[in-house]
Amino acid sequence: MNENKTAFNIKRKASALLKTPINQPEIKTLIDDVYSYFKELTQLTGFDQKIEHLAAVTTAKGKALGLNHAAQCLLDYKRTAKFLKALVNAIKEQQQKHPNETIYVFYAGCGPYAPFVTLIAPLFSPEEVQFSLLEINDKSLEYAKTLIQKLELTNYVTSHYTADAVTFKIPDAKKYNILFSETLDALLYRECYVPILFNLLPQLSEDVTVIPENVLVKMSLSVDPVADSKHITEEIDTIIDVRKAISLNNTDTVPSQLPDKKIAVNSINIEQYNYLILDTLVHVYDDIWLTRNESSLSIPLEMGIEHPFHFNSIVYTYQLDPSIELKYSLEK
């Protein structure tokens, strides 16, 4: 393989992904091509059956994706395209704020392909942007370093760290302009986006750009199932607002849970509906969002409502310890 030619082709495809408008078939074709290049350069398919590639990695709070799943994240097409556009836009905005200065990006959870280095670095010069990589899985980081080297992008990477982002202390943290961490899942389940922000944000400058900017979990009610194109949904309330929760935290430690969210049933006419729906909305950057079913991150959870409903309140608890998950209870 001519690696210089491959690097040029990856740059060309990344540039094509940034064009607007671009339709879903085009996005899929471009990302599939990039995925093929990455597989060939690293010899990591993302689909082999080695135990060490399948296993999730335990962190201080929650789990980090195993090698295979981390590699496959690239194939979450709208997610990849929107995160790519968001980070490029954020770098350009930081360049406007800091002309003739290097923009520093801290990339927490880069995975084996480090796509938001390997796709983005070729669009800038090393003098314009520098990346620091943090990855809990040492094998993932080794694959990422190999890929970066083969694409001749090592001069874009200031440092790499093998550590847990939930507890890591960033050297020279105030220099970073952008924190990038796509370590999340639908309903903020299991993965570590929330505790990572609790840990890293206080270390960074107050005006640091965070991608994704925020994640919201919203509750709505519906007469028909979500899969029914005719369903009518009434939004009830926001269950989780991650950045708001972090801003209200008065300690230097990651809490064991976020404050409970209590929904009074008598205020929402629940008897008129058959389904309760929880949506994960990812505010990626500026006006870029991932909304319902655009990504594996935004698949809604639908729960049937049994009638008559003999409870006065629905209480949601988002716990971070001993495991990361959103729970609910019904109170009479």
C-alpha atoms as a PDB file:
ATOM      1  CA  MET A   1       0.000   0.000   0.000  1.00  0.00           C
ATOM      2  CA  ASN A   2       1.229   3.488  -0.846  1.00  0.00           C
ATOM      3  CA  GLU A   3       0.658   5.149   2.528  1.00  0.00           C
ATOM      4  CA  ASN A   4       1.220   8.678   1.208  1.00  0.00           C
ATOM      5  CA  LYS A   5      -1.497   8.114  -1.368  1.00  0.00           C
ATOM      6  CA  THR A   6      -3.778   6.669   1.320  1.00  0.00           C
ATOM      7  CA  ALA A   7      -3.239   9.730   3.533  1.00  0.00           C
ATOM      8  CA  PHE A   8      -4.141  11.968   0.590  1.00  0.00           C
ATOM      9  CA  ASN A   9      -7.307   9.945  -0.079  1.00  0.00           C
ATOM     10  CA  ILE A  10      -8.349  10.151   3.577  1.00  0.00           C
ATOM     11  CA  LYS A  11      -7.871  13.927   3.512  1.00  0.00           C
ATOM     12  CA  ARG A  12      -9.975  14.123   0.343  1.00  0.00           C
ATOM     13  CA  LYS A  13     -12.787  12.090   1.903  1.00  0.00           C
ATOM     14  CA  ALA A  14     -12.703  14.094   5.144  1.00  0.00           C
ATOM     15  CA  SER A  15     -13.007  17.282   3.089  1.00  0.00           C
ATOM     16  CA  ALA A  16     -15.961  15.781   1.199  1.00  0.00           C
ATOM     17  CA  LEU A  17     -17.707  14.950   4.492  1.00  0.00           C
ATOM     18  CA  LEU A  18     -17.542  18.626   5.457  1.00  0.00           C
ATOM     19  CA  LYS A  19     -19.415  19.795   2.378  1.00  0.00           C
ATOM     20  CA  THR A  20     -23.023  20.927   2.750  1.00  0.00           C
ATOM     21  CA  PRO A  21     -25.457  19.582   1.769  1.00  0.00           C
ATOM     22  CA  ILE A  22     -24.412  15.935   1.751  1.00  0.00           C
ATOM     23  CA  ASN A  23     -26.861  13.047   1.720  1.00  0.00           C
ATOM     24  CA  GLN A  24     -26.802   9.873   3.789  1.00  0.00           C
ATOM     25  CA  PRO A  25     -25.680   7.511   0.962  1.00  0.00           C
ATOM     26  CA  GLU A  26     -22.708   9.802   0.271  1.00  0.00           C
ATOM     27  CA  ILE A  27     -21.801   9.921   3.960  1.00  0.00           C
ATOM     28  CA  LYS A  28     -21.943   6.131   4.195  1.00  0.00           C
ATOM     29  CA  THR A  29     -19.770   5.616   1.111  1.00  0.00           C
ATOM     30  CA  LEU A  30     -17.128   8.078   2.286  1.00  0.00           C
ATOM     31  CA  ILE A  31     -16.921   6.675   5.819  1.00  0.00           C
ATOM     32  CA  ASP A  32     -16.915   3.070   4.610  1.00  0.00           C
ATOM     33  CA  ASP A  33     -13.925   3.943   2.414  1.00  0.00           C
ATOM     34  CA  VAL A  34     -12.112   5.553   5.351  1.00  0.00           C
ATOM     35  CA  TYR A  35     -12.885   2.510   7.503  1.00  0.00           C
ATOM     36  CA  SER A  36     -11.365   0.251   4.830  1.00  0.00           C
ATOM     37  CA  TYR A  37      -8.181   2.332   4.794  1.00  0.00           C
ATOM     38  CA  PHE A  38      -7.923   2.225   8.591  1.00  0.00           C
ATOM     39  CA  LYS A  39      -8.482  -1.546   8.671  1.00  0.00           C
ATOM     40  CA  GLU A  40      -5.781  -2.132   6.089  1.00  0.00           C
ATOM     41  CA  LEU A  41      -3.243   0.122   7.784  1.00  0.00           C
ATOM     42  CA  THR A  42      -3.800  -1.282  11.288  1.00  0.00           C
ATOM     43  CA  GLN A  43      -4.945  -4.848  10.513  1.00  0.00           C
ATOM     44  CA  LEU A  44      -7.726  -4.226  13.043  1.00  0.00           C
ATOM     45  CA  THR A  45     -11.125  -5.066  11.564  1.00  0.00           C
ATOM     46  CA  GLY A  46     -13.344  -4.237  14.521  1.00  0.00           C
ATOM     47  CA  PHE A  47     -15.140  -7.548  14.013  1.00  0.00           C
ATOM     48  CA  ASP A  48     -12.671 -10.270  15.014  1.00  0.00           C
ATOM     49  CA  GLN A  49     -13.393 -12.610  17.913  1.00  0.00           C
ATOM     50  CA  LYS A  50     -10.326 -12.156  20.096  1.00  0.00           C
ATOM     51  CA  ILE A  51     -11.385 -11.915  23.726  1.00  0.00           C
ATOM     52  CA  GLU A  52      -9.128  -8.918  24.382  1.00  0.00           C
ATOM     53  CA  HIS A  53     -10.845  -7.083  21.500  1.00  0.00           C
ATOM     54  CA  LEU A  54     -14.358  -7.823  22.732  1.00  0.00           C
ATOM     55  CA  ALA A  55     -14.066  -7.031  26.428  1.00  0.00           C
ATOM     56  CA  ALA A  56     -15.113  -3.651  27.822  1.00  0.00           C
ATOM     57  CA  VAL A  57     -12.601  -1.919  30.077  1.00  0.00           C
ATOM     58  CA  THR A  58     -13.533  -1.126  33.676  1.00  0.00           C
ATOM     59  CA  THR A  59     -12.928   2.493  34.688  1.00  0.00           C
ATOM     60  CA  ALA A  60     -13.144   4.262  38.040  1.00  0.00           C
ATOM     61  CA  LYS A  61     -16.834   4.779  37.223  1.00  0.00           C
ATOM     62  CA  GLY A  62     -18.532   2.869  34.410  1.00  0.00           C
ATOM     63  CA  LYS A  63     -17.016   1.085  31.423  1.00  0.00           C
ATOM     64  CA  ALA A  64     -14.990   2.014  28.367  1.00  0.00           C
ATOM     65  CA  LEU A  65     -15.638   0.307  25.044  1.00  0.00           C
ATOM     66  CA  GLY A  66     -13.499  -2.647  24.020  1.00  0.00           C
ATOM     67  CA  LEU A  67     -11.306  -2.466  20.927  1.00  0.00           C
ATOM     68  CA  ASN A  68     -13.884  -3.813  18.489  1.00  0.00           C
ATOM     69  CA  HIS A  69     -16.730  -1.554  19.562  1.00  0.00           C
ATOM     70  CA  ALA A  70     -14.450   1.479  19.704  1.00  0.00           C
ATOM     71  CA  ALA A  71     -13.348   0.817  16.114  1.00  0.00           C
ATOM     72  CA  GLN A  72     -16.946   0.324  14.966  1.00  0.00           C
ATOM     73  CA  CYS A  73     -17.960   3.765  16.302  1.00  0.00           C
ATOM     74  CA  LEU A  74     -16.580   5.170  13.045  1.00  0.00           C
ATOM     75  CA  LEU A  75     -19.463   3.396  11.255  1.00  0.00           C
ATOM     76  CA  ASP A  76     -22.096   5.345  13.183  1.00  0.00           C
ATOM     77  CA  TYR A  77     -22.380   7.505  10.079  1.00  0.00           C
ATOM     78  CA  LYS A  78     -24.251  10.654  11.112  1.00  0.00           C
ATOM     79  CA  ARG A  79     -22.447  10.653  14.426  1.00  0.00           C
ATOM     80  CA  THR A  80     -19.039  10.591  12.713  1.00  0.00           C
ATOM     81  CA  ALA A  81     -20.020  13.229  10.132  1.00  0.00           C
ATOM     82  CA  LYS A  82     -21.470  15.610  12.735  1.00  0.00           C
ATOM     83  CA  PHE A  83     -18.602  15.221  15.193  1.00  0.00           C
ATOM     84  CA  LEU A  84     -16.136  15.781  12.353  1.00  0.00           C
ATOM     85  CA  LYS A  85     -17.860  18.974  11.258  1.00  0.00           C
ATOM     86  CA  ALA A  86     -18.155  20.150  14.868  1.00  0.00           C
ATOM     87  CA  LEU A  87     -14.470  19.746  15.674  1.00  0.00           C
ATOM     88  CA  VAL A  88     -13.321  21.400  12.434  1.00  0.00           C
ATOM     89  CA  ASN A  89     -15.678  24.338  13.074  1.00  0.00           C
ATOM     90  CA  ALA A  90     -14.499  24.606  16.683  1.00  0.00           C
ATOM     91  CA  ILE A  91     -10.839  24.699  15.631  1.00  0.00           C
ATOM     92  CA  LYS A  92     -11.595  27.439  13.092  1.00  0.00           C
ATOM     93  CA  GLU A  93     -13.526  29.443  15.689  1.00  0.00           C
ATOM     94  CA  GLN A  94     -10.639  29.132  18.136  1.00  0.00           C
ATOM     95  CA  GLN A  95      -8.278  30.317  15.391  1.00  0.00           C
ATOM     96  CA  GLN A  96     -10.367  33.459  15.036  1.00  0.00           C
ATOM     97  CA  LYS A  97     -10.165  34.050  18.790  1.00  0.00           C
ATOM     98  CA  HIS A  98      -6.437  33.274  18.910  1.00  0.00           C
ATOM     99  CA  PRO A  99      -4.930  34.336  15.556  1.00  0.00           C
ATOM    100  CA  ASN A 100      -1.439  33.028  14.759  1.00  0.00           C
ATOM    101  CA  GLU A 101      -1.517  30.711  17.782  1.00  0.00           C
ATOM    102  CA  THR A 102      -1.516  26.927  17.904  1.00  0.00           C
ATOM    103  CA  ILE A 103      -4.885  25.440  18.909  1.00  0.00           C
ATOM    104  CA  TYR A 104      -4.545  22.608  21.428  1.00  0.00           C
ATOM    105  CA  VAL A 105      -7.090  19.765  21.500  1.00  0.00           C
ATOM    106  CA  PHE A 106      -7.332  17.285  24.375  1.00  0.00           C
ATOM    107  CA  TYR A 107      -8.896  14.087  23.017  1.00  0.00           C
ATOM    108  CA  ALA A 108     -10.220  11.834  25.794  1.00  0.00           C
ATOM    109  CA  GLY A 109     -11.009   8.301  24.641  1.00  0.00           C
ATOM    110  CA  CYS A 110      -9.463   8.246  21.167  1.00  0.00           C
ATOM    111  CA  GLY A 111      -9.958   4.517  20.485  1.00  0.00           C
ATOM    112  CA  PRO A 112      -7.819   2.500  18.059  1.00  0.00           C
ATOM    113  CA  TYR A 113      -8.462   4.700  15.003  1.00  0.00           C
ATOM    114  CA  ALA A 114      -8.344   8.134  16.715  1.00  0.00           C
ATOM    115  CA  PRO A 115     -10.635   9.356  13.906  1.00  0.00           C
ATOM    116  CA  PHE A 116     -10.802  12.933  15.113  1.00  0.00           C
ATOM    117  CA  VAL A 117      -7.052  13.190  14.701  1.00  0.00           C
ATOM    118  CA  THR A 118      -6.579  11.006  11.647  1.00  0.00           C
ATOM    119  CA  LEU A 119      -9.413  12.691   9.728  1.00  0.00           C
ATOM    120  CA  ILE A 120      -8.900  16.246  10.970  1.00  0.00           C
ATOM    121  CA  ALA A 121      -5.148  16.786  11.273  1.00  0.00           C
ATOM    122  CA  PRO A 122      -4.553  16.619   7.484  1.00  0.00           C
ATOM    123  CA  LEU A 123      -6.929  19.588   7.050  1.00  0.00           C
ATOM    124  CA  PHE A 124      -4.573  21.840   9.051  1.00  0.00           C
ATOM    125  CA  SER A 125      -0.855  22.308   9.551  1.00  0.00           C
ATOM    126  CA  PRO A 126       0.964  21.129  12.710  1.00  0.00           C
ATOM    127  CA  GLU A 127       1.554  24.785  13.546  1.00  0.00           C
ATOM    128  CA  GLU A 128      -2.216  25.345  13.513  1.00  0.00           C
ATOM    129  CA  VAL A 129      -3.379  22.444  15.663  1.00  0.00           C
ATOM    130  CA  GLN A 130      -1.888  19.980  18.137  1.00  0.00           C
ATOM    131  CA  PHE A 131      -3.588  16.988  19.771  1.00  0.00           C
ATOM    132  CA  SER A 132      -3.025  15.207  23.077  1.00  0.00           C
ATOM    133  CA  LEU A 133      -4.525  11.722  23.266  1.00  0.00           C
ATOM    134  CA  LEU A 134      -5.856   9.978  26.357  1.00  0.00           C
ATOM    135  CA  GLU A 135      -6.975   6.340  26.200  1.00  0.00           C
ATOM    136  CA  ILE A 136      -7.584   3.854  29.018  1.00  0.00           C
ATOM    137  CA  ASN A 137      -7.013   0.800  26.796  1.00  0.00           C
ATOM    138  CA  ASP A 138      -3.280   0.466  26.112  1.00  0.00           C
ATOM    139  CA  LYS A 139      -3.908  -1.750  23.068  1.00  0.00           C
ATOM    140  CA  SER A 140      -6.259   0.866  21.588  1.00  0.00           C
ATOM    141  CA  LEU A 141      -3.631   3.539  22.043  1.00  0.00           C
ATOM    142  CA  GLU A 142      -0.967   1.386  20.379  1.00  0.00           C
ATOM    143  CA  TYR A 143      -3.205   0.913  17.325  1.00  0.00           C
ATOM    144  CA  ALA A 144      -3.907   4.658  17.236  1.00  0.00           C
ATOM    145  CA  LYS A 145      -0.189   5.493  17.414  1.00  0.00           C
ATOM    146  CA  THR A 146       0.535   3.017  14.605  1.00  0.00           C
ATOM    147  CA  LEU A 147      -2.166   4.506  12.390  1.00  0.00           C
ATOM    148  CA  ILE A 148      -1.020   8.076  13.093  1.00  0.00           C
ATOM    149  CA  GLN A 149       2.550   7.093  12.257  1.00  0.00           C
ATOM    150  CA  LYS A 150       1.601   5.369   9.004  1.00  0.00           C
ATOM    151  CA  LEU A 151      -0.399   8.430   7.954  1.00  0.00           C
ATOM    152  CA  GLU A 152       2.641  10.604   8.764  1.00  0.00           C
ATOM    153  CA  LEU A 153       0.704  12.642  11.330  1.00  0.00           C
ATOM    154  CA  THR A 154       2.996  12.190  14.354  1.00  0.00           C
ATOM    155  CA  ASN A 155       4.023  15.855  14.247  1.00  0.00           C
ATOM    156  CA  TYR A 156       0.406  16.779  15.078  1.00  0.00           C
ATOM    157  CA  VAL A 157       0.444  14.863  18.377  1.00  0.00           C
ATOM    158  CA  THR A 158       2.011  16.554  21.401  1.00  0.00           C
ATOM    159  CA  SER A 159       1.496  13.694  23.853  1.00  0.00           C
ATOM    160  CA  HIS A 160      -0.357  10.446  24.536  1.00  0.00           C
ATOM    161  CA  TYR A 161      -1.432   9.077  27.884  1.00  0.00           C
ATOM    162  CA  THR A 162      -2.658   5.640  28.933  1.00  0.00           C
ATOM    163  CA  ALA A 163      -4.945   6.447  31.842  1.00  0.00           C
ATOM    164  CA  ASP A 164      -8.522   6.660  33.086  1.00  0.00           C
ATOM    165  CA  ALA A 165     -10.134   9.974  32.061  1.00  0.00           C
ATOM    166  CA  VAL A 166     -12.394   9.799  35.129  1.00  0.00           C
ATOM    167  CA  THR A 167      -9.400  10.329  37.433  1.00  0.00           C
ATOM    168  CA  PHE A 168      -6.639  11.712  35.151  1.00  0.00           C
ATOM    169  CA  LYS A 169      -4.925  15.001  36.004  1.00  0.00           C
ATOM    170  CA  ILE A 170      -4.013  16.846  32.794  1.00  0.00           C
ATOM    171  CA  PRO A 171      -0.494  18.284  32.649  1.00  0.00           C
ATOM    172  CA  ASP A 172      -0.532  21.978  31.721  1.00  0.00           C
ATOM    173  CA  ALA A 173      -4.327  21.772  31.487  1.00  0.00           C
ATOM    174  CA  LYS A 174      -4.984  25.490  31.000  1.00  0.00           C
ATOM    175  CA  LYS A 175      -3.327  25.535  27.558  1.00  0.00           C
ATOM    176  CA  TYR A 176      -6.074  23.488  25.903  1.00  0.00           C
ATOM    177  CA  ASN A 177      -8.630  25.259  23.738  1.00  0.00           C
ATOM    178  CA  ILE A 178     -10.856  22.233  23.068  1.00  0.00           C
ATOM    179  CA  LEU A 179     -11.863  19.143  25.045  1.00  0.00           C
ATOM    180  CA  PHE A 180     -13.161  16.377  22.794  1.00  0.00           C
ATOM    181  CA  SER A 181     -14.742  13.295  24.392  1.00  0.00           C
ATOM    182  CA  GLU A 182     -17.390  11.227  22.637  1.00  0.00           C
ATOM    183  CA  THR A 183     -17.432   8.647  25.441  1.00  0.00           C
ATOM    184  CA  LEU A 184     -21.201   8.250  25.734  1.00  0.00           C
ATOM    185  CA  ASP A 185     -24.145   6.044  24.919  1.00  0.00           C
ATOM    186  CA  ALA A 186     -27.924   6.366  24.697  1.00  0.00           C
ATOM    187  CA  LEU A 187     -29.441   7.422  28.047  1.00  0.00           C
ATOM    188  CA  LEU A 188     -25.847   8.040  29.189  1.00  0.00           C
ATOM    189  CA  TYR A 189     -25.685   4.371  30.120  1.00  0.00           C
ATOM    190  CA  ARG A 190     -22.478   2.732  31.323  1.00  0.00           C
ATOM    191  CA  GLU A 191     -19.996   4.928  29.451  1.00  0.00           C
ATOM    192  CA  CYS A 192     -18.167   7.753  31.173  1.00  0.00           C
ATOM    193  CA  TYR A 193     -19.080  11.078  29.518  1.00  0.00           C
ATOM    194  CA  VAL A 194     -20.592  12.480  32.722  1.00  0.00           C
ATOM    195  CA  PRO A 195     -17.842  11.563  35.239  1.00  0.00           C
ATOM    196  CA  ILE A 196     -15.171  12.483  32.669  1.00  0.00           C
ATOM    197  CA  LEU A 197     -16.585  16.014  32.434  1.00  0.00           C
ATOM    198  CA  PHE A 198     -16.892  16.214  36.216  1.00  0.00           C
ATOM    199  CA  ASN A 199     -13.184  15.378  36.435  1.00  0.00           C
ATOM    200  CA  LEU A 200     -11.679  17.232  33.460  1.00  0.00           C
ATOM    201  CA  LEU A 201     -13.710  20.436  33.140  1.00  0.00           C
ATOM    202  CA  PRO A 202     -12.575  21.994  36.452  1.00  0.00           C
ATOM    203  CA  GLN A 203      -8.955  21.498  35.355  1.00  0.00           C
ATOM    204  CA  LEU A 204      -9.372  23.356  32.054  1.00  0.00           C
ATOM    205  CA  SER A 205      -9.819  27.034  31.215  1.00  0.00           C
ATOM    206  CA  GLU A 206     -13.300  28.425  31.833  1.00  0.00           C
ATOM    207  CA  ASP A 207     -13.699  29.271  28.141  1.00  0.00           C
ATOM    208  CA  VAL A 208     -12.627  25.846  26.853  1.00  0.00           C
ATOM    209  CA  THR A 209     -14.798  24.471  24.033  1.00  0.00           C
ATOM    210  CA  VAL A 210     -16.302  21.070  24.856  1.00  0.00           C
ATOM    211  CA  ILE A 211     -17.434  18.617  22.173  1.00  0.00           C
ATOM    212  CA  PRO A 212     -20.061  17.356  22.583  1.00  0.00           C
ATOM    213  CA  GLU A 213     -21.207  20.525  24.340  1.00  0.00           C
ATOM    214  CA  ASN A 214     -23.951  18.835  26.312  1.00  0.00           C
ATOM    215  CA  VAL A 215     -26.290  15.864  26.547  1.00  0.00           C
ATOM    216  CA  LEU A 216     -29.952  16.066  27.500  1.00  0.00           C
ATOM    217  CA  VAL A 217     -32.285  13.218  28.410  1.00  0.00           C
ATOM    218  CA  LYS A 218     -35.906  14.217  27.901  1.00  0.00           C
ATOM    219  CA  MET A 219     -39.149  12.514  28.861  1.00  0.00           C
ATOM    220  CA  SER A 220     -42.211  12.579  26.640  1.00  0.00           C
ATOM    221  CA  LEU A 221     -45.557  10.770  26.443  1.00  0.00           C
ATOM    222  CA  SER A 222     -47.204   9.263  23.392  1.00  0.00           C
ATOM    223  CA  VAL A 223     -50.448   7.558  22.464  1.00  0.00           C
ATOM    224  CA  ASP A 224     -48.768   5.390  19.834  1.00  0.00           C
ATOM    225  CA  PRO A 225     -45.395   3.625  19.769  1.00  0.00           C
ATOM    226  CA  VAL A 226     -42.343   5.561  18.577  1.00  0.00           C
ATOM    227  CA  ALA A 227     -42.045   3.241  15.575  1.00  0.00           C
ATOM    228  CA  ASP A 228     -45.470   4.397  14.381  1.00  0.00           C
ATOM    229  CA  SER A 229     -44.912   7.313  12.017  1.00  0.00           C
ATOM    230  CA  LYS A 230     -48.282   8.759  13.099  1.00  0.00           C
ATOM    231  CA  HIS A 231     -47.401   8.953  16.780  1.00  0.00           C
ATOM    232  CA  ILE A 232     -47.989  12.240  18.549  1.00  0.00           C
ATOM    233  CA  THR A 233     -45.562  13.020  21.350  1.00  0.00           C
ATOM    234  CA  GLU A 234     -45.963  15.506  24.166  1.00  0.00           C
ATOM    235  CA  GLU A 235     -42.667  16.539  25.720  1.00  0.00           C
ATOM    236  CA  ILE A 236     -42.914  16.597  29.505  1.00  0.00           C
ATOM    237  CA  ASP A 237     -39.570  17.555  31.017  1.00  0.00           C
ATOM    238  CA  THR A 238     -35.771  17.308  30.892  1.00  0.00           C
ATOM    239  CA  ILE A 239     -34.605  14.454  33.101  1.00  0.00           C
ATOM    240  CA  ILE A 240     -30.863  15.096  32.773  1.00  0.00           C
ATOM    241  CA  ASP A 241     -28.988  18.213  31.685  1.00  0.00           C
ATOM    242  CA  VAL A 242     -25.337  17.255  32.075  1.00  0.00           C
ATOM    243  CA  ARG A 243     -23.723  20.688  31.917  1.00  0.00           C
ATOM    244  CA  LYS A 244     -26.294  22.151  34.302  1.00  0.00           C
ATOM    245  CA  ALA A 245     -25.636  19.335  36.777  1.00  0.00           C
ATOM    246  CA  ILE A 246     -21.890  19.957  36.586  1.00  0.00           C
ATOM    247  CA  SER A 247     -22.311  23.705  37.086  1.00  0.00           C
ATOM    248  CA  LEU A 248     -24.331  23.032  40.259  1.00  0.00           C
ATOM    249  CA  ASN A 249     -21.720  20.711  41.750  1.00  0.00           C
ATOM    250  CA  ASN A 250     -20.032  22.442  44.687  1.00  0.00           C
ATOM    251  CA  THR A 251     -17.313  19.857  45.350  1.00  0.00           C
ATOM    252  CA  ASP A 252     -14.060  18.824  43.664  1.00  0.00           C
ATOM    253  CA  THR A 253     -15.125  15.191  43.482  1.00  0.00           C
ATOM    254  CA  VAL A 254     -17.320  13.212  41.115  1.00  0.00           C
ATOM    255  CA  PRO A 255     -20.669  12.678  42.900  1.00  0.00           C
ATOM    256  CA  SER A 256     -22.145   9.216  43.365  1.00  0.00           C
ATOM    257  CA  GLN A 257     -25.336  10.360  41.616  1.00  0.00           C
ATOM    258  CA  LEU A 258     -27.008  13.421  40.138  1.00  0.00           C
ATOM    259  CA  PRO A 259     -29.917  15.037  42.012  1.00  0.00           C
ATOM    260  CA  ASP A 260     -33.178  13.114  41.545  1.00  0.00           C
ATOM    261  CA  LYS A 261     -35.735  14.406  39.065  1.00  0.00           C
ATOM    262  CA  LYS A 262     -39.313  14.024  40.281  1.00  0.00           C
ATOM    263  CA  ILE A 263     -42.254  14.281  37.877  1.00  0.00           C
ATOM    264  CA  ALA A 264     -45.699  14.806  39.457  1.00  0.00           C
ATOM    265  CA  VAL A 265     -48.163  12.613  37.572  1.00  0.00           C
ATOM    266  CA  ASN A 266     -51.216  14.774  38.265  1.00  0.00           C
ATOM    267  CA  SER A 267     -49.648  17.552  36.192  1.00  0.00           C
ATOM    268  CA  ILE A 268     -49.142  15.499  33.008  1.00  0.00           C
ATOM    269  CA  ASN A 269     -52.466  13.693  32.321  1.00  0.00           C
ATOM    270  CA  ILE A 270     -50.686  10.368  32.048  1.00  0.00           C
ATOM    271  CA  GLU A 271     -53.949   8.411  31.678  1.00  0.00           C
ATOM    272  CA  GLN A 272     -54.351   9.853  28.171  1.00  0.00           C
ATOM    273  CA  TYR A 273     -51.161   8.166  26.951  1.00  0.00           C
ATOM    274  CA  ASN A 274     -49.947   4.626  26.378  1.00  0.00           C
ATOM    275  CA  TYR A 275     -46.196   5.075  26.157  1.00  0.00           C
ATOM    276  CA  LEU A 276     -43.483   6.864  28.093  1.00  0.00           C
ATOM    277  CA  ILE A 277     -40.456   7.744  25.958  1.00  0.00           C
ATOM    278  CA  LEU A 278     -36.958   8.809  26.981  1.00  0.00           C
ATOM    279  CA  ASP A 279     -34.868  10.554  24.333  1.00  0.00           C
ATOM    280  CA  THR A 280     -31.146  11.289  24.373  1.00  0.00           C
ATOM    281  CA  LEU A 281     -30.313  14.544  22.589  1.00  0.00           C
ATOM    282  CA  VAL A 282     -26.638  15.228  21.957  1.00  0.00           C
ATOM    283  CA  HIS A 283     -25.732  18.893  21.551  1.00  0.00           C
ATOM    284  CA  VAL A 284     -22.545  18.401  19.578  1.00  0.00           C
ATOM    285  CA  TYR A 285     -21.503  22.011  18.915  1.00  0.00           C
ATOM    286  CA  ASP A 286     -23.182  25.305  18.081  1.00  0.00           C
ATOM    287  CA  ASP A 287     -26.237  24.355  15.964  1.00  0.00           C
ATOM    288  CA  ILE A 288     -25.133  20.730  15.412  1.00  0.00           C
ATOM    289  CA  TRP A 289     -27.284  18.166  17.241  1.00  0.00           C
ATOM    290  CA  LEU A 290     -27.832  14.417  17.149  1.00  0.00           C
ATOM    291  CA  THR A 291     -31.567  13.851  17.507  1.00  0.00           C
ATOM    292  CA  ARG A 292     -33.852  10.832  17.763  1.00  0.00           C
ATOM    293  CA  ASN A 293     -32.568   7.775  15.846  1.00  0.00           C
ATOM    294  CA  GLU A 294     -29.828   9.669  14.013  1.00  0.00           C
ATOM    295  CA  SER A 295     -27.211   7.648  15.866  1.00  0.00           C
ATOM    296  CA  SER A 296     -26.793   4.773  18.289  1.00  0.00           C
ATOM    297  CA  LEU A 297     -26.366   7.551  20.855  1.00  0.00           C
ATOM    298  CA  SER A 298     -29.896   8.844  20.310  1.00  0.00           C
ATOM    299  CA  ILE A 299     -32.056   5.713  20.136  1.00  0.00           C
ATOM    300  CA  PRO A 300     -35.171   6.359  22.268  1.00  0.00           C
ATOM    301  CA  LEU A 301     -36.302   4.096  25.090  1.00  0.00           C
ATOM    302  CA  GLU A 302     -40.027   3.334  24.939  1.00  0.00           C
ATOM    303  CA  MET A 303     -41.963   1.931  27.899  1.00  0.00           C
ATOM    304  CA  GLY A 304     -45.614   0.919  27.922  1.00  0.00           C
ATOM    305  CA  ILE A 305     -47.864   2.537  30.546  1.00  0.00           C
ATOM    306  CA  GLU A 306     -50.217   0.221  32.408  1.00  0.00           C
ATOM    307  CA  HIS A 307     -53.659   1.667  33.114  1.00  0.00           C
ATOM    308  CA  PRO A 308     -55.017   2.600  35.527  1.00  0.00           C
ATOM    309  CA  PHE A 309     -51.859   4.329  36.742  1.00  0.00           C
ATOM    310  CA  HIS A 310     -51.896   4.218  40.550  1.00  0.00           C
ATOM    311  CA  PHE A 311     -48.869   6.384  41.287  1.00  0.00           C
ATOM    312  CA  ASN A 312     -48.425  10.045  42.087  1.00  0.00           C
ATOM    313  CA  SER A 313     -44.846  10.570  40.940  1.00  0.00           C
ATOM    314  CA  ILE A 314     -42.118   9.223  38.667  1.00  0.00           C
ATOM    315  CA  VAL A 315     -38.657   9.672  40.180  1.00  0.00           C
ATOM    316  CA  TYR A 316     -35.548   9.439  38.007  1.00  0.00           C
ATOM    317  CA  THR A 317     -32.120   8.772  39.513  1.00  0.00           C
ATOM    318  CA  TYR A 318     -28.921   8.959  37.467  1.00  0.00           C
ATOM    319  CA  GLN A 319     -26.300   7.117  39.437  1.00  0.00           C
ATOM    320  CA  LEU A 320     -22.553   7.178  38.828  1.00  0.00           C
ATOM    321  CA  ASP A 321     -21.560   4.717  41.519  1.00  0.00           C
ATOM    322  CA  PRO A 322     -21.276   1.719  41.709  1.00  0.00           C
ATOM    323  CA  SER A 323     -22.382   1.639  38.060  1.00  0.00           C
ATOM    324  CA  ILE A 324     -23.493   4.309  35.591  1.00  0.00           C
ATOM    325  CA  GLU A 325     -27.177   4.089  34.748  1.00  0.00           C
ATOM    326  CA  LEU A 326     -30.471   5.931  34.770  1.00  0.00           C
ATOM    327  CA  LYS A 327     -33.087   4.365  37.046  1.00  0.00           C
ATOM    328  CA  TYR A 328     -36.666   5.232  37.805  1.00  0.00           C
ATOM    329  CA  SER A 329     -39.097   4.478  40.603  1.00  0.00           C
ATOM    330  CA  LEU A 330     -42.830   5.044  41.061  1.00  0.00           C
ATOM    331  CA  GLU A 331     -44.137   6.702  44.198  1.00  0.00           C
ATOM    332  CA  LYS A 332     -47.710   6.576  45.489  1.00  0.00           C
END
